[in-house]
Amino acid sequence: MAESLDVDAMIARFQERAAAVKKRNLPPVAGEERQRFLKQAQEDFMDFAIIADAKATLEDGVLTLRVDLRPADQRS
């Protein structure tokens, strides 16, 4: 499996997923259901965006995702 994994394509799919969450239509729900939906959308976007920003390496069958969570002005 690891030999056939295209990590750049995987990262690209996460970028597409993050963008799709941003464009997701709000279903006709109200009240608590609406709040749960919005909260889930925010969490989905954050999760997908974090992976989408990762630098991926695949060495000896081990996939490593490195994510710099520091503010942009503090990154080296």
C-alpha atoms as a PDB file:
ATOM      1  CA  MET A   1       0.000   0.000   0.000  1.00  0.00           C
ATOM      2  CA  ALA A   2       2.679   2.497   1.021  1.00  0.00           C
ATOM      3  CA  GLU A   3       4.547   2.061  -2.264  1.00  0.00           C
ATOM      4  CA  SER A   4       1.453   3.094  -4.228  1.00  0.00           C
ATOM      5  CA  LEU A   5       0.456   6.059  -2.059  1.00  0.00           C
ATOM      6  CA  ASP A   6       0.818   9.383  -3.830  1.00  0.00           C
ATOM      7  CA  VAL A   7       1.165  11.770  -0.883  1.00  0.00           C
ATOM      8  CA  ASP A   8       0.951  14.867  -3.086  1.00  0.00           C
ATOM      9  CA  ALA A   9      -2.363  13.634  -4.487  1.00  0.00           C
ATOM     10  CA  MET A  10      -3.568  12.865  -0.953  1.00  0.00           C
ATOM     11  CA  ILE A  11      -2.732  16.403   0.185  1.00  0.00           C
ATOM     12  CA  ALA A  12      -4.501  17.784  -2.904  1.00  0.00           C
ATOM     13  CA  ARG A  13      -7.634  15.797  -2.006  1.00  0.00           C
ATOM     14  CA  PHE A  14      -7.615  17.334   1.465  1.00  0.00           C
ATOM     15  CA  GLN A  15      -7.293  20.786  -0.100  1.00  0.00           C
ATOM     16  CA  GLU A  16     -10.338  20.005  -2.252  1.00  0.00           C
ATOM     17  CA  ARG A  17     -12.268  18.754   0.786  1.00  0.00           C
ATOM     18  CA  ALA A  18     -11.488  21.901   2.764  1.00  0.00           C
ATOM     19  CA  ALA A  19     -12.702  24.037  -0.143  1.00  0.00           C
ATOM     20  CA  ALA A  20     -15.850  21.912  -0.483  1.00  0.00           C
ATOM     21  CA  VAL A  21     -16.713  22.394   3.192  1.00  0.00           C
ATOM     22  CA  LYS A  22     -16.486  26.164   2.715  1.00  0.00           C
ATOM     23  CA  LYS A  23     -18.960  25.908  -0.182  1.00  0.00           C
ATOM     24  CA  ARG A  24     -21.281  23.441   1.585  1.00  0.00           C
ATOM     25  CA  ASN A  25     -24.899  24.552   1.485  1.00  0.00           C
ATOM     26  CA  LEU A  26     -26.757  24.836   4.751  1.00  0.00           C
ATOM     27  CA  PRO A  27     -29.635  22.367   4.838  1.00  0.00           C
ATOM     28  CA  PRO A  28     -33.067  23.579   5.907  1.00  0.00           C
ATOM     29  CA  VAL A  29     -32.530  23.039   9.623  1.00  0.00           C
ATOM     30  CA  ALA A  30     -33.108  25.311  12.569  1.00  0.00           C
ATOM     31  CA  GLY A  31     -32.277  25.621  16.231  1.00  0.00           C
ATOM     32  CA  GLU A  32     -29.953  23.072  17.783  1.00  0.00           C
ATOM     33  CA  GLU A  33     -29.654  21.050  14.565  1.00  0.00           C
ATOM     34  CA  ARG A  34     -28.432  24.125  12.723  1.00  0.00           C
ATOM     35  CA  GLN A  35     -25.840  24.841  15.421  1.00  0.00           C
ATOM     36  CA  ARG A  36     -24.617  21.225  15.325  1.00  0.00           C
ATOM     37  CA  PHE A  37     -24.350  21.367  11.540  1.00  0.00           C
ATOM     38  CA  LEU A  38     -22.371  24.620  11.649  1.00  0.00           C
ATOM     39  CA  LYS A  39     -20.074  23.294  14.382  1.00  0.00           C
ATOM     40  CA  GLN A  40     -19.424  20.112  12.374  1.00  0.00           C
ATOM     41  CA  ALA A  41     -18.691  22.149   9.238  1.00  0.00           C
ATOM     42  CA  GLN A  42     -16.173  24.281  11.155  1.00  0.00           C
ATOM     43  CA  GLU A  43     -14.473  21.188  12.555  1.00  0.00           C
ATOM     44  CA  ASP A  44     -14.427  19.476   9.140  1.00  0.00           C
ATOM     45  CA  PHE A  45     -12.871  22.547   7.537  1.00  0.00           C
ATOM     46  CA  MET A  46     -10.228  22.843  10.256  1.00  0.00           C
ATOM     47  CA  ASP A  47      -9.310  19.158  10.037  1.00  0.00           C
ATOM     48  CA  PHE A  48      -9.109  19.131   6.245  1.00  0.00           C
ATOM     49  CA  ALA A  49      -7.218  22.443   6.128  1.00  0.00           C
ATOM     50  CA  ILE A  50      -4.628  21.243   8.633  1.00  0.00           C
ATOM     51  CA  ILE A  51      -3.884  18.131   6.591  1.00  0.00           C
ATOM     52  CA  ALA A  52      -3.974  20.190   3.389  1.00  0.00           C
ATOM     53  CA  ASP A  53      -1.202  22.417   4.779  1.00  0.00           C
ATOM     54  CA  ALA A  54       0.957  19.479   5.844  1.00  0.00           C
ATOM     55  CA  LYS A  55       4.302  18.615   4.343  1.00  0.00           C
ATOM     56  CA  ALA A  56       4.178  14.883   3.736  1.00  0.00           C
ATOM     57  CA  THR A  57       7.005  12.388   3.508  1.00  0.00           C
ATOM     58  CA  LEU A  58       6.846   8.657   2.936  1.00  0.00           C
ATOM     59  CA  GLU A  59       9.970   6.850   4.090  1.00  0.00           C
ATOM     60  CA  ASP A  60      10.331   3.118   4.624  1.00  0.00           C
ATOM     61  CA  GLY A  61       6.555   2.695   4.605  1.00  0.00           C
ATOM     62  CA  VAL A  62       5.973   5.390   7.232  1.00  0.00           C
ATOM     63  CA  LEU A  63       3.851   8.385   6.279  1.00  0.00           C
ATOM     64  CA  THR A  64       4.800  11.493   8.230  1.00  0.00           C
ATOM     65  CA  LEU A  65       2.734  14.668   8.089  1.00  0.00           C
ATOM     66  CA  ARG A  66       4.485  17.767   9.397  1.00  0.00           C
ATOM     67  CA  VAL A  67       2.228  20.712  10.190  1.00  0.00           C
ATOM     68  CA  ASP A  68       3.570  24.064  11.341  1.00  0.00           C
ATOM     69  CA  LEU A  69       0.839  25.593  13.502  1.00  0.00           C
ATOM     70  CA  ARG A  70       2.778  28.734  14.355  1.00  0.00           C
ATOM     71  CA  PRO A  71       1.500  32.038  12.958  1.00  0.00           C
ATOM     72  CA  ALA A  72       2.907  32.769   9.490  1.00  0.00           C
ATOM     73  CA  ASP A  73       5.147  35.573  10.796  1.00  0.00           C
ATOM     74  CA  GLN A  74       6.794  33.177  13.281  1.00  0.00           C
ATOM     75  CA  ARG A  75       7.619  30.390  10.828  1.00  0.00           C
ATOM     76  CA  SER A  76      11.188  29.828   9.788  1.00  0.00           C
END
